[in-house]
Amino acid sequence: MEEDRTTGSPKANTPLTEDQIIATTLGAPQLLNSTIYLAPYDPAWPALFTRLAQQIHTRTATSTRSCCMIHVRPYIPDDRAFVLSLAPRLLIGMPPWRDPHLWLTAFQDWITVSIDQHGQETMVFIAENDHGERLGFATLSHETHFTGEHQAYINELATSEVAEGGGVGTALIQACEQWARAQGYRILALSTGAANGRALGFYRHLGFRDEDVKLVKLLTESGSDNPNRQP
């Protein structure tokens, strides 16, 4: 697409490529006021408009997620069903050799303990928007490292699928950090699955550091023995 140097607009009768049409429509709507030449119907047009619709949908969804302020508050009993409903989200990144049903049951039990002990042994935070729509939760507890140092530990953190990527997790982490500092702790710790690359990147971006690495060996897997082991 050539540009008229006097107006900064596309020259008339200049065909646009598929990507240029999408970029123009989404990123520079003012250009649509200019005279833009489109060739007669082309069989590729349906795919083009499908792509354009997907781009608009993605931007609309992102805008919807970010249009409201995120508030973090302490847990109340009415939040119980919502918090437990997010337990399946904690299976993301689960290693394939683990039983998903046992994994889910364990998380549900841990979450239940956290909300039952809220305000005593644990702290539970709820993230919601301006409309009071719940978006995610985090649970914390007091922990003693093997060195004897006391620290805060994030037991679980999950957001609803529609809120993912909208800053909810960051808001929850910030609330956890404030709570940990108020308790006088120097360290805030958490654990996540090694296969959960997105979560690992998210936490590292917020300043968390790798500390422990837990390894497992499947003794029942064929060929799992170390080939270098002496008979």
Protein backbone atom coordinates (compact mmCIF):
# COMPACT_ATOMS: atom_id res chain seq x y z
CA MET A 1 0.00 0.00 0.00
CA GLU A 2 1.54 3.31 -1.07
CA GLU A 3 1.14 6.41 1.05
CA ASP A 4 0.31 9.88 -0.18
CA ARG A 5 3.08 11.99 1.39
CA THR A 6 0.88 15.08 1.40
CA THR A 7 -1.98 13.52 3.38
CA GLY A 8 -0.45 10.47 5.05
CA SER A 9 -3.33 8.39 3.66
CA PRO A 10 -3.20 5.44 1.27
CA LYS A 11 -3.22 6.45 -2.38
CA ALA A 12 -6.45 5.79 -4.21
CA ASN A 13 -6.69 2.69 -6.42
CA THR A 14 -3.94 0.95 -4.46
CA PRO A 15 -4.91 -2.64 -3.55
CA LEU A 16 -4.45 -3.58 0.09
CA THR A 17 -3.02 -6.87 1.25
CA GLU A 18 -4.97 -9.05 3.68
CA ASP A 19 -2.81 -8.06 6.66
CA GLN A 20 -3.00 -4.38 5.71
CA ILE A 21 -6.80 -4.48 5.68
CA ILE A 22 -6.87 -6.02 9.16
CA ALA A 23 -4.24 -3.62 10.49
CA THR A 24 -6.02 -0.64 8.95
CA THR A 25 -9.41 -1.64 10.32
CA LEU A 26 -8.16 -2.39 13.85
CA GLY A 27 -5.28 -0.01 14.28
CA ALA A 28 -6.03 3.02 12.13
CA PRO A 29 -9.77 3.43 11.57
CA GLN A 30 -9.23 7.00 10.39
CA LEU A 31 -7.74 5.57 7.19
CA LEU A 32 -11.14 4.18 6.29
CA ASN A 33 -12.18 7.74 5.45
CA SER A 34 -9.74 7.66 2.56
CA THR A 35 -10.49 6.22 -0.84
CA ILE A 36 -9.27 2.63 -0.73
CA TYR A 37 -9.49 0.40 -3.73
CA LEU A 38 -10.48 -3.24 -3.23
CA ALA A 39 -10.25 -5.66 -6.10
CA PRO A 40 -13.43 -7.46 -7.26
CA TYR A 41 -14.57 -10.45 -5.19
CA ASP A 42 -11.80 -12.88 -4.46
CA PRO A 43 -12.27 -16.44 -3.09
CA ALA A 44 -9.86 -15.55 -0.28
CA TRP A 45 -12.21 -12.89 1.12
CA PRO A 46 -14.26 -15.21 3.40
CA ALA A 47 -11.08 -16.30 5.19
CA LEU A 48 -10.02 -12.67 5.46
CA PHE A 49 -13.25 -11.59 7.11
CA THR A 50 -13.12 -14.61 9.42
CA ARG A 51 -9.66 -13.50 10.56
CA LEU A 52 -10.89 -9.94 10.98
CA ALA A 53 -13.83 -11.11 13.10
CA GLN A 54 -11.51 -13.17 15.28
CA GLN A 55 -9.21 -10.18 15.79
CA ILE A 56 -12.15 -7.97 16.76
CA HIS A 57 -13.47 -10.64 19.15
CA THR A 58 -10.06 -10.96 20.80
CA ARG A 59 -9.71 -7.22 21.26
CA THR A 60 -13.27 -6.93 22.57
CA ALA A 61 -12.69 -9.72 25.10
CA THR A 62 -9.45 -8.09 26.25
CA SER A 63 -11.13 -4.73 26.55
CA THR A 64 -13.99 -6.29 28.54
CA ARG A 65 -11.53 -7.88 30.97
CA SER A 66 -9.61 -4.67 31.50
CA CYS A 67 -12.48 -2.17 31.54
CA CYS A 68 -13.12 -2.57 35.26
CA MET A 69 -10.94 -2.09 38.30
CA ILE A 70 -9.86 -5.24 40.13
CA HIS A 71 -10.45 -5.25 43.87
CA VAL A 72 -9.03 -7.80 46.30
CA ARG A 73 -10.81 -8.42 49.60
CA PRO A 74 -10.82 -11.06 52.34
CA TYR A 75 -12.89 -14.19 51.91
CA ILE A 76 -16.46 -14.36 53.24
CA PRO A 77 -18.62 -17.52 53.59
CA ASP A 78 -20.64 -16.65 50.46
CA ASP A 79 -17.44 -17.13 48.41
CA ARG A 80 -17.13 -20.83 49.26
CA ALA A 81 -18.84 -22.26 46.16
CA PHE A 82 -16.91 -19.93 43.85
CA VAL A 83 -13.54 -20.79 45.36
CA LEU A 84 -14.18 -24.53 45.14
CA SER A 85 -15.43 -24.17 41.56
CA LEU A 86 -11.93 -23.05 40.52
CA ALA A 87 -10.24 -26.21 41.82
CA PRO A 88 -10.10 -27.77 38.30
CA ARG A 89 -8.07 -24.76 37.14
CA LEU A 90 -5.27 -25.98 39.42
CA LEU A 91 -4.85 -29.06 37.23
CA ILE A 92 -3.24 -26.97 34.49
CA GLY A 93 0.31 -28.23 34.00
CA MET A 94 -0.36 -31.48 35.83
CA PRO A 95 2.20 -34.16 34.88
CA PRO A 96 0.67 -36.91 32.73
CA TRP A 97 1.75 -39.70 35.09
CA ARG A 98 -0.46 -38.38 37.90
CA ASP A 99 -4.12 -39.37 38.35
CA PRO A 100 -6.24 -36.27 37.61
CA HIS A 101 -9.06 -37.43 39.87
CA LEU A 102 -6.74 -37.86 42.84
CA TRP A 103 -5.06 -34.56 41.97
CA LEU A 104 -8.40 -32.72 41.91
CA THR A 105 -9.58 -34.33 45.15
CA ALA A 106 -6.37 -33.27 46.89
CA PHE A 107 -6.78 -29.66 45.75
CA GLN A 108 -10.41 -29.60 46.83
CA ASP A 109 -9.41 -30.88 50.27
CA TRP A 110 -6.61 -28.32 50.60
CA ILE A 111 -8.88 -25.48 49.54
CA THR A 112 -11.54 -26.61 52.01
CA VAL A 113 -9.00 -26.57 54.83
CA SER A 114 -7.82 -23.10 53.79
CA ILE A 115 -11.28 -21.56 53.76
CA ASP A 116 -12.31 -23.33 56.97
CA GLN A 117 -9.23 -21.92 58.73
CA HIS A 118 -9.47 -18.47 57.14
CA GLY A 119 -8.52 -15.76 59.58
CA GLN A 120 -6.84 -18.23 61.90
CA GLU A 121 -4.17 -20.42 60.34
CA THR A 122 -4.72 -19.18 56.79
CA MET A 123 -5.68 -16.10 54.79
CA VAL A 124 -7.93 -16.26 51.73
CA PHE A 125 -8.26 -13.40 49.26
CA ILE A 126 -10.96 -12.92 46.63
CA ALA A 127 -10.49 -10.79 43.51
CA GLU A 128 -13.54 -9.17 41.97
CA ASN A 129 -14.41 -6.36 39.56
CA ASP A 130 -16.44 -3.19 40.04
CA HIS A 131 -19.65 -5.15 39.46
CA GLY A 132 -18.88 -7.59 42.26
CA GLU A 133 -18.12 -10.42 39.83
CA ARG A 134 -15.65 -12.84 41.41
CA LEU A 135 -12.58 -13.41 39.24
CA GLY A 136 -10.10 -15.43 41.29
CA PHE A 137 -8.75 -16.36 44.69
CA ALA A 138 -5.54 -17.00 46.59
CA THR A 139 -4.87 -18.77 49.88
CA LEU A 140 -1.89 -18.21 52.18
CA SER A 141 -0.53 -19.83 55.29
CA HIS A 142 2.35 -19.54 57.71
CA GLU A 143 5.25 -21.89 56.94
CA THR A 144 8.59 -22.76 58.50
CA HIS A 145 11.45 -23.43 56.09
CA PHE A 146 13.75 -26.35 56.94
CA THR A 147 16.33 -23.79 58.02
CA GLY A 148 13.94 -22.68 60.74
CA GLU A 149 13.07 -19.35 59.12
CA HIS A 150 9.37 -18.49 59.16
CA GLN A 151 7.83 -17.36 55.88
CA ALA A 152 4.51 -16.89 54.09
CA TYR A 153 3.40 -19.56 51.65
CA ILE A 154 0.84 -19.29 48.84
CA ASN A 155 -1.06 -22.56 48.92
CA GLU A 156 -3.31 -22.01 45.91
CA LEU A 157 -3.94 -19.25 43.40
CA ALA A 158 -6.43 -19.52 40.55
CA THR A 159 -8.42 -17.23 38.29
CA SER A 160 -11.53 -17.91 36.27
CA GLU A 161 -10.92 -18.73 32.63
CA VAL A 162 -12.60 -15.54 31.38
CA ALA A 163 -10.41 -13.41 33.68
CA GLU A 164 -7.13 -15.03 32.67
CA GLY A 165 -4.60 -12.52 31.43
CA GLY A 166 -6.55 -9.56 32.78
CA GLY A 167 -4.33 -8.68 35.73
CA VAL A 168 -6.28 -10.68 38.32
CA GLY A 169 -3.35 -12.91 39.24
CA THR A 170 -1.08 -9.90 39.65
CA ALA A 171 -3.60 -8.19 41.94
CA LEU A 172 -3.85 -11.33 44.07
CA ILE A 173 -0.06 -11.65 44.32
CA GLN A 174 0.18 -8.02 45.41
CA ALA A 175 -2.38 -8.66 48.15
CA CYS A 176 -0.42 -11.72 49.26
CA GLU A 177 2.79 -9.69 49.40
CA GLN A 178 1.14 -6.99 51.51
CA TRP A 179 -0.20 -9.60 53.93
CA ALA A 180 3.20 -11.30 54.20
CA ARG A 181 4.95 -8.00 54.92
CA ALA A 182 2.33 -7.15 57.55
CA GLN A 183 3.18 -10.45 59.27
CA GLY A 184 6.84 -9.44 59.31
CA TYR A 185 7.95 -12.10 56.86
CA ARG A 186 11.00 -11.67 54.65
CA ILE A 187 10.05 -14.34 52.12
CA LEU A 188 6.88 -15.22 50.22
CA ALA A 189 7.06 -18.73 48.74
CA LEU A 190 4.92 -20.88 46.45
CA SER A 191 5.11 -24.02 44.34
CA THR A 192 3.84 -24.78 40.85
CA GLY A 193 4.18 -27.60 38.37
CA ALA A 194 7.34 -27.81 36.28
CA ALA A 195 5.20 -28.32 33.18
CA ASN A 196 3.12 -25.21 33.82
CA GLY A 197 5.24 -22.92 31.69
CA ARG A 198 2.78 -20.04 31.70
CA ALA A 199 2.57 -19.98 35.50
CA LEU A 200 6.35 -20.20 35.83
CA GLY A 201 6.79 -17.25 33.48
CA PHE A 202 4.13 -15.27 35.32
CA TYR A 203 5.70 -15.78 38.75
CA ARG A 204 9.22 -15.10 37.52
CA HIS A 205 8.00 -11.90 35.90
CA LEU A 206 6.71 -10.80 39.30
CA GLY A 207 10.08 -11.38 40.93
CA PHE A 208 9.86 -14.96 42.21
CA ARG A 209 13.05 -17.00 42.00
CA ASP A 210 13.65 -20.70 41.45
CA GLU A 211 14.73 -22.35 44.69
CA ASP A 212 13.96 -26.08 44.90
CA VAL A 213 13.60 -28.61 42.09
CA LYS A 214 11.76 -31.86 42.83
CA LEU A 215 12.50 -34.84 40.59
CA VAL A 216 10.58 -38.10 40.24
CA LYS A 217 11.35 -41.39 38.54
CA LEU A 218 8.66 -43.74 37.27
CA LEU A 219 9.81 -47.16 38.44
CA THR A 220 7.01 -48.94 36.61
CA GLU A 221 7.78 -47.35 33.23
CA SER A 222 9.42 -49.60 30.66
CA GLY A 223 13.06 -48.76 30.17
CA SER A 224 13.09 -46.38 33.12
CA ASP A 225 16.27 -47.83 34.56
CA ASN A 226 19.41 -45.82 34.13
CA PRO A 227 21.26 -47.34 31.12
CA ASN A 228 24.56 -46.41 32.75
CA ARG A 229 23.83 -48.37 35.93
CA GLN A 230 26.20 -51.28 36.46
CA PRO A 231 24.53 -54.74 36.75
